[in-house]
Amino acid sequence: MQVIAVHDKRAYLKPFYVLKYLAEKMIKLYDWFVLLPDNTFVRGFKLNEFLNHISISQDLYMGQAFDDVHAVYCYFGSGIILSGVCIEKF
């Protein structure tokens, strides 16, 4: 397991550093990326079942809307699902 250090003190930028790292280092290894806090319970079988019904070539950025229903960003604390195609565009 590799640990990546982020030395930027601005906590709000950490998700962007994660996306940058995924786009640069991990994009060829996986079709889907699920970003979750470490205290989140996941029903892996159900998540896999759900993702198997979505094309891996589709742009997917899914999660809870940040602050209101008109937000363009998902709240990182609730978890985010991203397709590899979507991360490639990052």
N, C-alpha and C. Protein backbone atom coordinates (compact mmCIF):
# COMPACT_ATOMS: atom_id res chain seq x y z
N MET A 1 0.85 -1.17 0.00
CA MET A 1 0.00 0.00 0.00
C MET A 1 0.89 1.23 0.00
N GLN A 2 0.54 2.16 -0.82
CA GLN A 2 1.31 3.39 -0.94
C GLN A 2 0.57 4.52 -0.24
N VAL A 3 1.28 5.31 0.52
CA VAL A 3 0.70 6.47 1.20
C VAL A 3 1.20 7.72 0.48
N ILE A 4 0.27 8.57 0.11
CA ILE A 4 0.59 9.81 -0.59
C ILE A 4 0.37 10.97 0.37
N ALA A 5 1.37 11.80 0.53
CA ALA A 5 1.27 12.96 1.42
C ALA A 5 0.85 14.19 0.62
N VAL A 6 -0.08 14.93 1.18
CA VAL A 6 -0.49 16.21 0.61
C VAL A 6 -0.05 17.28 1.59
N HIS A 7 0.81 18.17 1.14
CA HIS A 7 1.39 19.16 2.03
C HIS A 7 0.67 20.50 1.99
N ASP A 8 -0.38 20.59 1.24
CA ASP A 8 -1.17 21.82 1.18
C ASP A 8 -2.07 21.89 2.41
N LYS A 9 -2.02 22.98 3.13
CA LYS A 9 -2.78 23.12 4.37
C LYS A 9 -4.26 23.42 4.13
N ARG A 10 -4.63 23.73 2.90
CA ARG A 10 -6.03 24.04 2.59
C ARG A 10 -6.81 22.74 2.40
N ALA A 11 -7.54 22.36 3.44
CA ALA A 11 -8.25 21.08 3.46
C ALA A 11 -9.26 20.95 2.32
N TYR A 12 -9.85 22.05 1.90
CA TYR A 12 -10.87 21.99 0.85
C TYR A 12 -10.28 21.56 -0.50
N LEU A 13 -8.97 21.61 -0.66
CA LEU A 13 -8.34 21.20 -1.91
C LEU A 13 -7.96 19.72 -1.95
N LYS A 14 -8.03 19.03 -0.83
CA LYS A 14 -7.61 17.63 -0.79
C LYS A 14 -8.35 16.73 -1.78
N PRO A 15 -9.68 16.87 -1.94
CA PRO A 15 -10.35 16.03 -2.95
C PRO A 15 -9.79 16.25 -4.36
N PHE A 16 -9.37 17.47 -4.66
CA PHE A 16 -8.82 17.74 -5.99
C PHE A 16 -7.45 17.09 -6.16
N TYR A 17 -6.66 17.04 -5.09
CA TYR A 17 -5.39 16.32 -5.14
C TYR A 17 -5.62 14.82 -5.34
N VAL A 18 -6.66 14.29 -4.72
CA VAL A 18 -7.00 12.88 -4.90
C VAL A 18 -7.36 12.61 -6.36
N LEU A 19 -8.19 13.46 -6.93
CA LEU A 19 -8.59 13.28 -8.34
C LEU A 19 -7.38 13.39 -9.27
N LYS A 20 -6.51 14.33 -9.00
CA LYS A 20 -5.30 14.49 -9.81
C LYS A 20 -4.44 13.23 -9.75
N TYR A 21 -4.26 12.69 -8.56
CA TYR A 21 -3.48 11.47 -8.40
C TYR A 21 -4.13 10.30 -9.15
N LEU A 22 -5.43 10.14 -9.01
CA LEU A 22 -6.13 9.06 -9.71
C LEU A 22 -5.97 9.19 -11.22
N ALA A 23 -6.11 10.41 -11.72
CA ALA A 23 -6.01 10.65 -13.16
C ALA A 23 -4.60 10.36 -13.68
N GLU A 24 -3.59 10.66 -12.88
CA GLU A 24 -2.21 10.48 -13.32
C GLU A 24 -1.68 9.06 -13.11
N LYS A 25 -2.09 8.40 -12.03
CA LYS A 25 -1.45 7.14 -11.64
C LYS A 25 -2.33 5.89 -11.71
N MET A 26 -3.64 6.04 -11.58
CA MET A 26 -4.50 4.86 -11.42
C MET A 26 -5.52 4.66 -12.54
N ILE A 27 -5.60 5.58 -13.46
CA ILE A 27 -6.69 5.60 -14.43
C ILE A 27 -6.75 4.34 -15.31
N LYS A 28 -5.63 3.74 -15.61
CA LYS A 28 -5.61 2.56 -16.49
C LYS A 28 -5.94 1.26 -15.75
N LEU A 29 -5.99 1.32 -14.43
CA LEU A 29 -6.17 0.10 -13.63
C LEU A 29 -7.63 -0.24 -13.34
N TYR A 30 -8.51 0.76 -13.33
CA TYR A 30 -9.89 0.55 -12.88
C TYR A 30 -10.89 1.25 -13.79
N ASP A 31 -12.11 0.72 -13.84
CA ASP A 31 -13.20 1.35 -14.60
C ASP A 31 -13.97 2.34 -13.74
N TRP A 32 -14.06 2.05 -12.44
CA TRP A 32 -14.84 2.87 -11.51
C TRP A 32 -13.98 3.27 -10.32
N PHE A 33 -14.24 4.44 -9.79
CA PHE A 33 -13.56 4.92 -8.59
C PHE A 33 -14.63 5.34 -7.59
N VAL A 34 -14.55 4.79 -6.41
CA VAL A 34 -15.49 5.10 -5.34
C VAL A 34 -14.69 5.75 -4.22
N LEU A 35 -14.96 7.01 -3.97
CA LEU A 35 -14.24 7.76 -2.94
C LEU A 35 -15.15 7.92 -1.74
N LEU A 36 -14.71 7.37 -0.61
CA LEU A 36 -15.53 7.35 0.60
C LEU A 36 -14.70 7.72 1.81
N PRO A 37 -15.33 8.32 2.81
CA PRO A 37 -14.63 8.50 4.09
C PRO A 37 -14.38 7.12 4.72
N ASP A 38 -13.42 7.05 5.61
CA ASP A 38 -13.06 5.76 6.20
C ASP A 38 -14.09 5.21 7.18
N ASN A 39 -15.10 5.96 7.51
CA ASN A 39 -16.13 5.48 8.44
C ASN A 39 -17.44 5.14 7.74
N THR A 40 -17.39 4.89 6.44
CA THR A 40 -18.58 4.60 5.65
C THR A 40 -18.74 3.10 5.43
N PHE A 41 -19.94 2.59 5.68
CA PHE A 41 -20.27 1.19 5.43
C PHE A 41 -20.77 1.06 4.00
N VAL A 42 -20.26 0.09 3.28
CA VAL A 42 -20.66 -0.12 1.89
C VAL A 42 -21.13 -1.56 1.72
N ARG A 43 -22.27 -1.71 1.09
CA ARG A 43 -22.74 -3.04 0.70
C ARG A 43 -22.14 -3.31 -0.68
N GLY A 44 -20.94 -3.88 -0.67
CA GLY A 44 -20.16 -4.07 -1.88
C GLY A 44 -20.88 -4.81 -2.99
N PHE A 45 -21.61 -5.86 -2.63
CA PHE A 45 -22.35 -6.62 -3.64
C PHE A 45 -23.37 -5.74 -4.34
N LYS A 46 -24.10 -4.94 -3.57
CA LYS A 46 -25.12 -4.05 -4.15
C LYS A 46 -24.47 -2.97 -5.02
N LEU A 47 -23.35 -2.44 -4.56
CA LEU A 47 -22.64 -1.42 -5.35
C LEU A 47 -22.16 -2.03 -6.67
N ASN A 48 -21.59 -3.22 -6.61
CA ASN A 48 -21.14 -3.90 -7.82
C ASN A 48 -22.32 -4.19 -8.75
N GLU A 49 -23.42 -4.64 -8.19
CA GLU A 49 -24.63 -4.91 -8.98
C GLU A 49 -25.11 -3.65 -9.68
N PHE A 50 -25.11 -2.53 -8.98
CA PHE A 50 -25.53 -1.25 -9.55
C PHE A 50 -24.59 -0.82 -10.68
N LEU A 51 -23.28 -0.88 -10.43
CA LEU A 51 -22.32 -0.41 -11.43
C LEU A 51 -22.27 -1.31 -12.66
N ASN A 52 -22.61 -2.58 -12.50
CA ASN A 52 -22.64 -3.49 -13.65
C ASN A 52 -23.74 -3.14 -14.65
N HIS A 53 -24.69 -2.32 -14.26
CA HIS A 53 -25.77 -1.90 -15.15
C HIS A 53 -25.49 -0.57 -15.84
N ILE A 54 -24.33 -0.02 -15.61
CA ILE A 54 -23.96 1.27 -16.21
C ILE A 54 -22.76 1.04 -17.12
N SER A 55 -22.80 1.63 -18.30
CA SER A 55 -21.70 1.50 -19.25
C SER A 55 -20.45 2.18 -18.72
N ILE A 56 -19.30 1.51 -18.85
CA ILE A 56 -18.05 2.11 -18.38
C ILE A 56 -17.60 3.25 -19.28
N SER A 57 -18.22 3.41 -20.44
CA SER A 57 -17.87 4.52 -21.32
C SER A 57 -18.70 5.78 -21.03
N GLN A 58 -19.61 5.68 -20.08
CA GLN A 58 -20.49 6.80 -19.73
C GLN A 58 -19.81 7.69 -18.68
N ASP A 59 -19.91 8.99 -18.87
CA ASP A 59 -19.45 9.93 -17.84
C ASP A 59 -20.36 9.78 -16.63
N LEU A 60 -19.79 9.45 -15.49
CA LEU A 60 -20.60 9.32 -14.29
C LEU A 60 -19.90 10.02 -13.14
N TYR A 61 -20.62 10.93 -12.53
CA TYR A 61 -20.18 11.65 -11.34
C TYR A 61 -21.39 11.67 -10.43
N MET A 62 -21.40 10.78 -9.43
CA MET A 62 -22.61 10.59 -8.64
C MET A 62 -22.31 10.71 -7.16
N GLY A 63 -23.21 11.38 -6.47
CA GLY A 63 -23.10 11.52 -5.02
C GLY A 63 -24.19 12.46 -4.54
N GLN A 64 -24.13 12.81 -3.28
CA GLN A 64 -25.10 13.75 -2.71
C GLN A 64 -24.72 15.17 -3.11
N ALA A 65 -25.69 15.93 -3.61
CA ALA A 65 -25.43 17.32 -4.01
C ALA A 65 -24.92 18.13 -2.81
N PHE A 66 -23.93 18.94 -3.06
CA PHE A 66 -23.34 19.76 -2.01
C PHE A 66 -24.24 20.95 -1.71
N ASP A 67 -24.75 21.02 -0.51
CA ASP A 67 -25.57 22.12 0.03
C ASP A 67 -27.00 22.20 -0.49
N ASP A 68 -27.23 22.14 -1.80
CA ASP A 68 -28.60 22.23 -2.30
C ASP A 68 -28.75 21.45 -3.60
N VAL A 69 -29.97 21.30 -4.06
CA VAL A 69 -30.23 20.49 -5.25
C VAL A 69 -29.70 21.12 -6.53
N HIS A 70 -29.37 22.40 -6.51
CA HIS A 70 -28.86 23.07 -7.70
C HIS A 70 -27.33 23.11 -7.73
N ALA A 71 -26.69 22.46 -6.76
CA ALA A 71 -25.23 22.44 -6.69
C ALA A 71 -24.65 21.63 -7.84
N VAL A 72 -23.46 21.99 -8.26
CA VAL A 72 -22.80 21.27 -9.34
C VAL A 72 -21.73 20.31 -8.80
N TYR A 73 -21.52 20.32 -7.50
CA TYR A 73 -20.53 19.43 -6.88
C TYR A 73 -21.21 18.48 -5.91
N CYS A 74 -20.62 17.31 -5.76
CA CYS A 74 -21.10 16.34 -4.77
C CYS A 74 -20.32 16.52 -3.48
N TYR A 75 -20.98 16.22 -2.38
CA TYR A 75 -20.38 16.32 -1.06
C TYR A 75 -19.44 15.13 -0.84
N PHE A 76 -18.17 15.40 -0.65
CA PHE A 76 -17.16 14.35 -0.51
C PHE A 76 -17.41 13.47 0.72
N GLY A 77 -17.96 14.04 1.77
CA GLY A 77 -18.20 13.31 3.00
C GLY A 77 -19.23 12.21 2.89
N SER A 78 -20.07 12.25 1.87
CA SER A 78 -21.07 11.20 1.66
C SER A 78 -20.61 10.14 0.68
N GLY A 79 -19.50 10.38 0.05
CA GLY A 79 -18.98 9.45 -0.94
C GLY A 79 -19.33 9.88 -2.35
N ILE A 80 -18.45 9.54 -3.27
CA ILE A 80 -18.61 9.90 -4.68
C ILE A 80 -18.24 8.70 -5.53
N ILE A 81 -19.02 8.47 -6.57
CA ILE A 81 -18.70 7.44 -7.56
C ILE A 81 -18.33 8.16 -8.85
N LEU A 82 -17.19 7.80 -9.41
CA LEU A 82 -16.72 8.41 -10.65
C LEU A 82 -16.34 7.32 -11.65
N SER A 83 -16.72 7.52 -12.89
CA SER A 83 -16.26 6.59 -13.93
C SER A 83 -14.85 6.98 -14.33
N GLY A 84 -14.10 6.01 -14.83
CA GLY A 84 -12.75 6.29 -15.31
C GLY A 84 -12.76 7.31 -16.43
N VAL A 85 -13.78 7.25 -17.29
CA VAL A 85 -13.91 8.21 -18.39
C VAL A 85 -14.05 9.63 -17.85
N CYS A 86 -14.80 9.78 -16.78
CA CYS A 86 -14.99 11.09 -16.17
C CYS A 86 -13.67 11.61 -15.58
N ILE A 87 -12.92 10.75 -14.93
CA ILE A 87 -11.65 11.16 -14.34
C ILE A 87 -10.63 11.51 -15.42
N GLU A 88 -10.67 10.81 -16.55
CA GLU A 88 -9.75 11.13 -17.64
C GLU A 88 -9.92 12.57 -18.12
N LYS A 89 -11.12 13.09 -18.01
CA LYS A 89 -11.40 14.47 -18.45
C LYS A 89 -10.90 15.50 -17.44
N PHE A 90 -10.56 15.02 -16.25
CA PHE A 90 -10.05 15.91 -15.21
C PHE A 90 -8.68 16.37 -15.63
